């Protein structure tokens, strides 16, 4: 698995048939593993840009929305 947020990197990984997750997905996995208590402040505090639609989807997946 590779962790990449950029579109070109995701496309290259998909072409190479490598599983992909991004920063948001990694945070959801970290929460599920008990490594972080909440995801939302971590995404917002770092100036990480997500569309409102994607942010809400990530928060639902993390059990925060």
Protein backbone atom coordinates (compact mmCIF):
# COMPACT_ATOMS: atom_id res chain seq x y z
CA UNK A 1 0.00 0.00 0.00
CA UNK A 2 1.13 3.52 -0.73
CA UNK A 3 -0.01 6.71 1.00
CA UNK A 4 -0.48 9.48 -1.53
CA UNK A 5 -2.86 12.40 -1.90
CA UNK A 6 -1.91 13.81 -5.29
CA UNK A 7 -3.97 12.77 -8.29
CA UNK A 8 -0.97 11.88 -10.45
CA UNK A 9 0.48 9.68 -7.72
CA UNK A 10 -2.84 7.93 -7.21
CA UNK A 11 -3.14 7.30 -10.94
CA UNK A 12 0.39 5.89 -11.14
CA UNK A 13 -0.27 3.59 -8.18
CA UNK A 14 -3.56 2.41 -9.68
CA UNK A 15 -1.79 1.73 -12.97
CA UNK A 16 0.78 -0.36 -11.07
CA UNK A 17 -2.07 -2.08 -9.18
CA UNK A 18 -0.83 -0.81 -5.82
CA UNK A 19 -3.42 -0.19 -3.09
CA UNK A 20 -3.74 3.51 -2.27
CA UNK A 21 -4.87 5.52 0.72
CA UNK A 22 -4.45 9.19 1.46
CA UNK A 23 -3.84 11.23 4.56
CA UNK A 24 -7.52 11.23 5.49
CA UNK A 25 -7.77 7.46 5.06
CA UNK A 26 -4.65 6.96 7.14
CA UNK A 27 -6.18 9.04 9.94
CA UNK A 28 -9.38 6.96 9.82
CA UNK A 29 -7.28 3.80 10.12
CA UNK A 30 -5.30 5.34 12.99
CA UNK A 31 -8.51 6.14 14.85
CA UNK A 32 -9.84 2.62 14.30
CA UNK A 33 -6.59 1.27 15.75
CA UNK A 34 -6.90 3.53 18.79
CA UNK A 35 -3.86 5.61 17.88
CA UNK A 36 -5.72 8.92 17.68
CA UNK A 37 -8.91 9.87 19.54
CA UNK A 38 -10.45 12.06 16.81
CA UNK A 39 -9.80 12.80 13.14
CA UNK A 40 -11.47 16.15 12.48
CA UNK A 41 -9.10 18.44 14.40
CA UNK A 42 -6.09 16.74 12.84
CA UNK A 43 -7.37 17.41 9.33
CA UNK A 44 -8.42 20.98 10.03
CA UNK A 45 -5.43 22.04 12.14
CA UNK A 46 -2.87 21.21 9.49
CA UNK A 47 -4.44 23.31 6.75
CA UNK A 48 -5.17 20.14 4.82
CA UNK A 49 -7.70 20.89 2.08
CA UNK A 50 -10.67 18.62 1.55
CA UNK A 51 -13.89 19.56 -0.15
CA UNK A 52 -16.79 19.81 2.27
CA UNK A 53 -18.35 16.73 0.68
CA UNK A 54 -15.19 14.66 1.13
CA UNK A 55 -14.62 15.98 4.64
CA UNK A 56 -18.12 14.89 5.67
CA UNK A 57 -17.60 11.45 4.10
CA UNK A 58 -14.31 10.99 5.98
CA UNK A 59 -15.87 12.10 9.26
CA UNK A 60 -18.76 9.65 8.78
CA UNK A 61 -16.28 6.87 8.10
CA UNK A 62 -14.41 7.82 11.29
CA UNK A 63 -17.69 7.80 13.25
CA UNK A 64 -17.55 11.55 13.78
CA UNK A 65 -20.31 12.76 11.52
